[in-house]
Amino acid sequence: MNLDVFLATLLVLDSNPPTFDASPARRDAFLKIGEFIENNTRAGAPFDLKTSPNPFWQAIETRLLQALDGIEAEPADAPPTAWQLYNDGVVLTADGLAIGMDVFPFPRRFGWTDSADLTGRLADLLDVLFITHRHPDHYDKALVRACLERGKPVVLPAPLAADWPGVKTVIAADDGLAFKVAGLDVTARRGFHVWRATMEDLPLVYYEIVCPGDFTFLFIGDLDVSKKLEKTAGRDIDLFFVPWRHPNETYEPGHAAQTGRTYDAVQAALDKVRPRALLFEHLAELEHVYDGFPASYDIAIDLKARVRVPSELLFWGERIAWPSHPR
């Protein structure tokens, strides 16, 4: 697939916007996009990610800039909307707020420059930034620094907060901490990172967030959903963000320790949380693909078809607005 075909596939997504219902057109487009990324962006491929300027990334950057324009122009009375930026980075707009979760402006590993100032623009528009763990595809220190320089609150696990001593707008999150920031009611909890045996291996905090208008979401980063996962008793969760991947060896196809399917882990988590809708996250992370991992859209597509909760996956630059009650 050459770049023109890739761009035409993106137009298929644009013509078939995100939906919690089934969409064969979107399913087929995601499979083509995954194939393109795997075959064309690794070392020695036509759009090797270590080349600069990179026409493939330039197409993505255009979409991200359009999304930022949309976020900036979003009226305060618009319905809650999830804007998918690069990788696991999501901006949730609700009640006039722009809430960032694990926002990662662009892959810095490949030597590209931030010529479009994605970092600065994000820091300008965010009202608060939440970070789940230290991995650089979730914790972008340049963005954190830019937010703090602008006086924006940043919420991080306590070990990461230690990176920013004495900064008043840093909030150190730990297990069971309940607090208010930027008009949001937040409960932080510690959990297991995927493929980690203990919580101490890689400290991770996930967040239950209630917006001023009562829209409630659960953002978990790379949490292993088959282990510790909680929500506040009696509280309804409108939207649940879940990473695509097999959470550990128990669910990894072909692994000697496998005893279940990823569907089993995800559906069990949904039975605990009972959200009204689900968004799959962390798809086609380019650094992972460059190192030989699959784009994994097929996993999310399979889960979307199987889980008993309305769900969707978004490509970079897409958004989905909240209906009153997903079917």
Protein backbone atom coordinates (compact mmCIF):
# COMPACT_ATOMS: atom_id res chain seq x y z
CA MET A 1 0.00 0.00 0.00
CA ASN A 2 1.50 3.35 -0.99
CA LEU A 3 0.89 6.60 0.87
CA ASP A 4 -1.96 7.65 -1.44
CA VAL A 5 -3.84 4.44 -0.64
CA PHE A 6 -3.19 5.00 3.07
CA LEU A 7 -4.59 8.52 2.82
CA ALA A 8 -7.62 7.19 0.94
CA THR A 9 -8.17 4.70 3.76
CA LEU A 10 -8.15 7.55 6.25
CA LEU A 11 -10.86 9.19 4.15
CA VAL A 12 -12.95 6.04 4.64
CA LEU A 13 -12.72 6.64 8.40
CA ASP A 14 -13.61 10.28 7.92
CA SER A 15 -16.67 9.25 5.89
CA ASN A 16 -17.65 6.71 8.54
CA PRO A 17 -17.16 8.52 11.87
CA PRO A 18 -16.75 6.66 15.16
CA THR A 19 -19.80 4.83 16.42
CA PHE A 20 -20.59 2.50 19.28
CA ASP A 21 -22.50 0.42 16.73
CA ALA A 22 -20.93 -2.06 14.28
CA SER A 23 -19.28 -0.52 11.20
CA PRO A 24 -17.86 -2.91 8.57
CA ALA A 25 -16.31 0.04 6.73
CA ARG A 26 -14.37 1.14 9.80
CA ARG A 27 -13.37 -2.44 10.61
CA ASP A 28 -11.88 -2.95 7.14
CA ALA A 29 -10.17 0.45 7.20
CA PHE A 30 -8.45 -0.28 10.52
CA LEU A 31 -7.13 -3.60 9.23
CA LYS A 32 -5.68 -1.84 6.15
CA ILE A 33 -4.14 0.89 8.31
CA GLY A 34 -2.52 -1.69 10.57
CA GLU A 35 -1.10 -3.53 7.56
CA PHE A 36 0.29 -0.28 6.16
CA ILE A 37 1.96 0.74 9.42
CA GLU A 38 3.54 -2.70 9.92
CA ASN A 39 4.84 -2.96 6.33
CA ASN A 40 5.91 0.64 5.71
CA THR A 41 7.23 2.27 8.89
CA ARG A 42 9.78 -0.18 10.29
CA ALA A 43 13.55 0.01 9.73
CA GLY A 44 14.40 0.04 6.03
CA ALA A 45 10.77 0.36 4.93
CA PRO A 46 9.59 3.17 2.59
CA PHE A 47 8.54 5.39 5.51
CA ASP A 48 11.12 4.26 8.06
CA LEU A 49 10.21 6.24 11.15
CA LYS A 50 13.78 7.35 11.64
CA THR A 51 13.63 9.42 8.43
CA SER A 52 12.81 13.11 8.67
CA PRO A 53 10.74 14.71 7.35
CA ASN A 54 8.48 11.69 7.33
CA PRO A 55 5.46 11.88 4.95
CA PHE A 56 3.57 9.28 6.96
CA TRP A 57 3.90 11.22 10.21
CA GLN A 58 3.16 14.50 8.45
CA ALA A 59 -0.25 13.07 7.49
CA ILE A 60 -0.86 12.13 11.13
CA GLU A 61 0.33 15.49 12.39
CA THR A 62 -2.19 17.23 10.14
CA ARG A 63 -4.97 15.20 11.75
CA LEU A 64 -3.72 15.99 15.25
CA LEU A 65 -3.61 19.71 14.51
CA GLN A 66 -7.18 19.55 13.22
CA ALA A 67 -8.19 17.82 16.45
CA LEU A 68 -6.52 20.54 18.53
CA ASP A 69 -8.41 23.16 16.53
CA GLY A 70 -11.62 21.29 17.32
CA ILE A 71 -10.85 21.04 21.02
CA GLU A 72 -10.08 24.75 21.21
CA ALA A 73 -13.35 25.60 19.45
CA GLU A 74 -15.53 23.19 21.46
CA PRO A 75 -18.38 25.11 23.13
CA ALA A 76 -18.82 24.68 26.87
CA ASP A 77 -22.31 23.22 26.42
CA ALA A 78 -21.18 20.51 23.97
CA PRO A 79 -21.72 16.90 25.10
CA PRO A 80 -18.75 15.13 26.70
CA THR A 81 -16.38 14.17 23.90
CA ALA A 82 -13.30 11.93 23.78
CA TRP A 83 -10.62 13.18 21.37
CA GLN A 84 -8.04 10.55 20.45
CA LEU A 85 -4.61 12.06 20.04
CA TYR A 86 -1.47 10.03 19.43
CA ASN A 87 -1.10 6.61 21.09
CA ASP A 88 -2.87 6.38 24.48
CA GLY A 89 -3.27 10.14 24.69
CA VAL A 90 -6.87 11.26 25.13
CA VAL A 91 -8.38 14.66 25.75
CA LEU A 92 -11.87 14.53 27.25
CA THR A 93 -13.86 17.73 26.85
CA ALA A 94 -16.82 18.24 29.17
CA ASP A 95 -18.43 21.21 30.91
CA GLY A 96 -16.00 23.62 29.26
CA LEU A 97 -12.93 21.68 30.49
CA ALA A 98 -10.19 19.99 28.48
CA ILE A 99 -8.93 17.02 30.52
CA GLY A 100 -5.74 15.32 29.32
CA MET A 101 -4.94 11.68 30.08
CA ASP A 102 -1.48 10.24 29.28
CA VAL A 103 -1.19 12.76 26.45
CA PHE A 104 1.95 12.20 24.36
CA PRO A 105 2.32 14.91 21.68
CA PHE A 106 4.45 12.89 19.23
CA PRO A 107 7.07 10.12 19.24
CA ARG A 108 10.32 11.76 20.30
CA ARG A 109 12.44 8.62 19.89
CA PHE A 110 12.83 9.02 16.11
CA GLY A 111 14.59 12.39 16.20
CA TRP A 112 11.72 14.43 14.79
CA THR A 113 11.30 18.07 15.78
CA ASP A 114 8.11 19.53 17.18
CA SER A 115 7.81 21.92 14.25
CA ALA A 116 4.04 22.32 14.73
CA ASP A 117 4.48 22.97 18.49
CA LEU A 118 2.10 20.19 19.45
CA THR A 119 3.58 20.33 22.94
CA GLY A 120 2.91 24.02 23.43
CA ARG A 121 -0.54 23.92 21.91
CA LEU A 122 -1.57 21.04 24.15
CA ALA A 123 -0.24 22.78 27.24
CA ASP A 124 -2.19 25.90 26.29
CA LEU A 125 -5.53 24.15 25.86
CA LEU A 126 -5.44 21.59 28.71
CA ASP A 127 -7.02 22.52 32.02
CA VAL A 128 -5.47 19.53 33.81
CA LEU A 129 -3.22 16.61 32.86
CA PHE A 130 -3.35 13.13 34.39
CA ILE A 131 -0.45 10.65 34.10
CA THR A 132 -0.79 6.96 34.95
CA HIS A 133 2.84 5.74 34.95
CA ARG A 134 6.43 6.48 34.03
CA HIS A 135 6.71 4.94 30.55
CA PRO A 136 7.65 7.71 28.10
CA ASP A 137 4.73 6.93 25.79
CA HIS A 138 2.43 7.95 28.67
CA TYR A 139 4.58 10.38 30.66
CA ASP A 140 5.93 13.06 28.33
CA LYS A 141 8.15 15.21 30.51
CA ALA A 142 8.28 18.04 27.98
CA LEU A 143 4.49 18.33 28.04
CA VAL A 144 4.39 18.10 31.83
CA ARG A 145 6.98 20.86 32.05
CA ALA A 146 5.03 23.04 29.60
CA CYS A 147 1.81 22.56 31.59
CA LEU A 148 3.51 23.40 34.87
CA GLU A 149 5.13 26.49 33.37
CA ARG A 150 1.61 27.67 32.49
CA GLY A 151 0.32 26.99 35.99
CA LYS A 152 -1.76 23.99 34.90
CA PRO A 153 -2.27 21.19 37.45
CA VAL A 154 -0.63 17.85 36.67
CA VAL A 155 -1.63 14.68 38.53
CA LEU A 156 0.99 11.91 38.68
CA PRO A 157 1.80 8.81 40.75
CA ALA A 158 3.73 9.85 43.82
CA PRO A 159 7.12 8.52 42.55
CA LEU A 160 6.77 10.68 39.42
CA ALA A 161 5.66 13.72 41.38
CA ALA A 162 9.08 13.55 43.02
CA ASP A 163 10.53 14.57 39.63
CA TRP A 164 8.99 18.03 40.18
CA PRO A 165 9.90 19.06 43.75
CA GLY A 166 8.37 22.22 45.10
CA VAL A 167 5.96 22.81 42.20
CA LYS A 168 2.61 23.78 43.70
CA THR A 169 0.47 22.57 40.78
CA VAL A 170 1.83 19.01 40.99
CA ILE A 171 -0.56 16.57 42.68
CA ALA A 172 0.97 13.32 43.93
CA ALA A 173 -1.62 10.55 43.53
CA ASP A 174 -1.61 7.34 45.53
CA ASP A 175 -3.98 4.52 46.36
CA GLY A 176 -7.36 5.69 47.63
CA LEU A 177 -6.60 9.41 47.37
CA ALA A 178 -9.78 11.39 46.70
CA PHE A 179 -9.42 15.05 45.76
CA LYS A 180 -10.82 17.87 43.67
CA VAL A 181 -8.91 19.53 40.82
CA ALA A 182 -10.09 21.86 38.03
CA GLY A 183 -13.67 21.28 39.14
CA LEU A 184 -13.33 17.47 38.87
CA ASP A 185 -13.90 14.95 41.63
CA VAL A 186 -11.10 12.39 41.37
CA THR A 187 -10.37 9.08 43.04
CA ALA A 188 -6.91 7.62 42.42
CA ARG A 189 -6.07 3.94 42.88
CA ARG A 190 -2.92 1.87 42.44
CA GLY A 191 -2.91 -1.12 40.13
CA PHE A 192 -0.75 -3.61 38.25
CA HIS A 193 0.85 -2.64 34.97
CA VAL A 194 0.28 -5.22 32.23
CA TRP A 195 2.84 -8.03 32.35
CA ARG A 196 4.09 -7.06 35.81
CA ALA A 197 4.02 -9.45 38.77
CA THR A 198 3.78 -6.78 41.48
CA MET A 199 2.60 -3.20 41.74
CA GLU A 200 6.09 -2.19 42.82
CA ASP A 201 7.63 -3.36 39.53
CA LEU A 202 6.21 -0.27 37.80
CA PRO A 203 4.05 2.06 39.91
CA LEU A 204 0.77 2.81 38.15
CA VAL A 205 -2.20 4.88 39.27
CA TYR A 206 -5.56 4.88 37.51
CA TYR A 207 -8.26 7.50 37.84
CA GLU A 208 -12.02 7.60 38.38
CA ILE A 209 -13.11 11.11 37.39
CA VAL A 210 -16.48 12.83 37.83
CA CYS A 211 -17.00 15.97 35.74
CA PRO A 212 -19.05 18.92 37.06
CA GLY A 213 -22.06 17.78 35.02
CA ASP A 214 -21.75 14.26 36.51
CA PHE A 215 -20.30 12.57 33.41
CA THR A 216 -17.99 9.92 34.93
CA PHE A 217 -15.12 8.04 33.34
CA LEU A 218 -12.43 5.57 34.32
CA PHE A 219 -9.01 5.99 32.70
CA ILE A 220 -6.52 3.22 33.49
CA GLY A 221 -3.49 3.61 31.19
CA ASP A 222 -1.72 0.23 30.92
CA LEU A 223 -3.55 -1.36 33.85
CA ASP A 224 -3.83 -5.16 33.90
CA VAL A 225 -7.63 -5.40 33.97
CA SER A 226 -7.52 -9.04 35.11
CA LYS A 227 -6.05 -8.07 38.50
CA LYS A 228 -6.89 -5.21 40.88
CA LEU A 229 -9.66 -3.06 39.41
CA GLU A 230 -12.12 -1.03 41.45
CA LYS A 231 -14.67 1.74 41.19
CA THR A 232 -16.65 3.62 43.80
CA ALA A 233 -19.57 1.51 45.01
CA GLY A 234 -22.89 2.75 43.73
CA ARG A 235 -21.34 5.11 41.18
CA ASP A 236 -22.18 4.68 37.50
CA ILE A 237 -19.30 4.80 35.04
CA ASP A 238 -20.25 6.35 31.71
CA LEU A 239 -17.03 5.68 29.80
CA PHE A 240 -14.22 3.18 30.43
CA PHE A 241 -10.87 3.39 28.61
CA VAL A 242 -9.10 0.02 28.23
CA PRO A 243 -5.75 -0.86 26.58
CA TRP A 244 -6.04 -3.27 23.65
CA ARG A 245 -3.39 -5.72 24.65
CA HIS A 246 -3.34 -9.16 26.25
CA PRO A 247 -2.87 -8.21 29.93
CA ASN A 248 -0.45 -10.99 30.93
CA GLU A 249 0.76 -14.49 30.04
CA THR A 250 -2.52 -16.06 31.19
CA TYR A 251 -4.25 -14.48 28.18
CA GLU A 252 -1.39 -14.40 25.65
CA PRO A 253 -2.19 -16.67 22.67
CA GLY A 254 0.35 -19.47 22.37
CA HIS A 255 2.01 -18.80 25.72
CA ALA A 256 2.71 -21.90 27.83
CA ALA A 257 0.81 -20.33 30.74
CA GLN A 258 -2.26 -19.37 28.73
CA THR A 259 -5.55 -20.49 30.25
CA GLY A 260 -7.96 -17.88 28.85
CA ARG A 261 -8.62 -15.37 26.09
CA THR A 262 -8.21 -11.62 26.24
CA TYR A 263 -11.98 -11.39 25.80
CA ASP A 264 -12.36 -13.24 29.11
CA ALA A 265 -10.21 -10.69 30.93
CA VAL A 266 -11.91 -7.67 29.35
CA GLN A 267 -15.44 -8.97 29.84
CA ALA A 268 -14.70 -9.82 33.49
CA ALA A 269 -13.46 -6.24 33.95
CA LEU A 270 -16.62 -4.91 32.33
CA ASP A 271 -18.71 -7.03 34.66
CA LYS A 272 -16.95 -5.31 37.59
CA VAL A 273 -17.11 -1.76 36.28
CA ARG A 274 -20.41 -2.01 34.38
CA PRO A 275 -19.71 1.05 32.20
CA ARG A 276 -22.21 2.41 29.72
CA ALA A 277 -19.55 2.38 26.98
CA LEU A 278 -15.94 1.38 26.32
CA LEU A 279 -13.10 2.84 24.26
CA PHE A 280 -10.07 0.73 23.31
CA GLU A 281 -6.73 2.51 23.72
CA HIS A 282 -3.02 2.26 22.99
CA LEU A 283 -3.32 0.94 19.42
CA ALA A 284 -0.48 0.99 16.86
CA GLU A 285 2.02 2.67 19.18
CA LEU A 286 4.73 3.43 16.61
CA GLU A 287 7.71 2.73 18.85
CA HIS A 288 6.31 -0.73 19.58
CA VAL A 289 5.60 -1.38 15.89
CA TYR A 290 9.09 -0.22 14.96
CA ASP A 291 10.47 -2.84 17.35
CA GLY A 292 8.46 -5.60 15.66
CA PHE A 293 5.19 -5.69 17.57
CA PRO A 294 1.89 -5.77 15.62
CA ALA A 295 -0.38 -2.76 15.26
CA SER A 296 -3.06 -4.89 16.95
CA TYR A 297 -6.18 -3.30 15.51
CA ASP A 298 -7.39 -6.86 14.90
CA ILE A 299 -7.46 -7.51 18.66
CA ALA A 300 -9.58 -4.43 19.36
CA ILE A 301 -11.86 -5.20 16.42
CA ASP A 302 -12.41 -8.73 17.72
CA LEU A 303 -13.15 -7.42 21.20
CA LYS A 304 -15.57 -4.81 19.84
CA ALA A 305 -17.52 -7.59 18.15
CA ARG A 306 -17.60 -9.76 21.29
CA VAL A 307 -17.94 -7.64 24.42
CA ARG A 308 -21.40 -7.07 25.87
CA VAL A 309 -20.95 -3.30 26.16
CA PRO A 310 -21.11 -0.66 23.39
CA SER A 311 -17.49 -0.04 22.36
CA GLU A 312 -15.32 1.64 19.76
CA LEU A 313 -11.71 2.28 18.73
CA LEU A 314 -10.52 5.61 17.40
CA PHE A 315 -7.73 6.55 15.03
CA TRP A 316 -5.45 9.46 15.82
CA GLY A 317 -7.31 12.74 15.40
CA GLU A 318 -10.80 11.21 15.70
CA ARG A 319 -13.38 12.05 18.34
CA ILE A 320 -16.60 10.56 19.65
CA ALA A 321 -19.29 12.56 21.42
CA TRP A 322 -21.29 11.08 24.25
CA PRO A 323 -24.87 10.07 23.47
CA SER A 324 -27.37 10.16 26.31
CA HIS A 325 -27.41 6.35 26.45
CA PRO A 326 -25.30 4.20 24.09
CA ARG A 327 -27.32 1.25 22.82
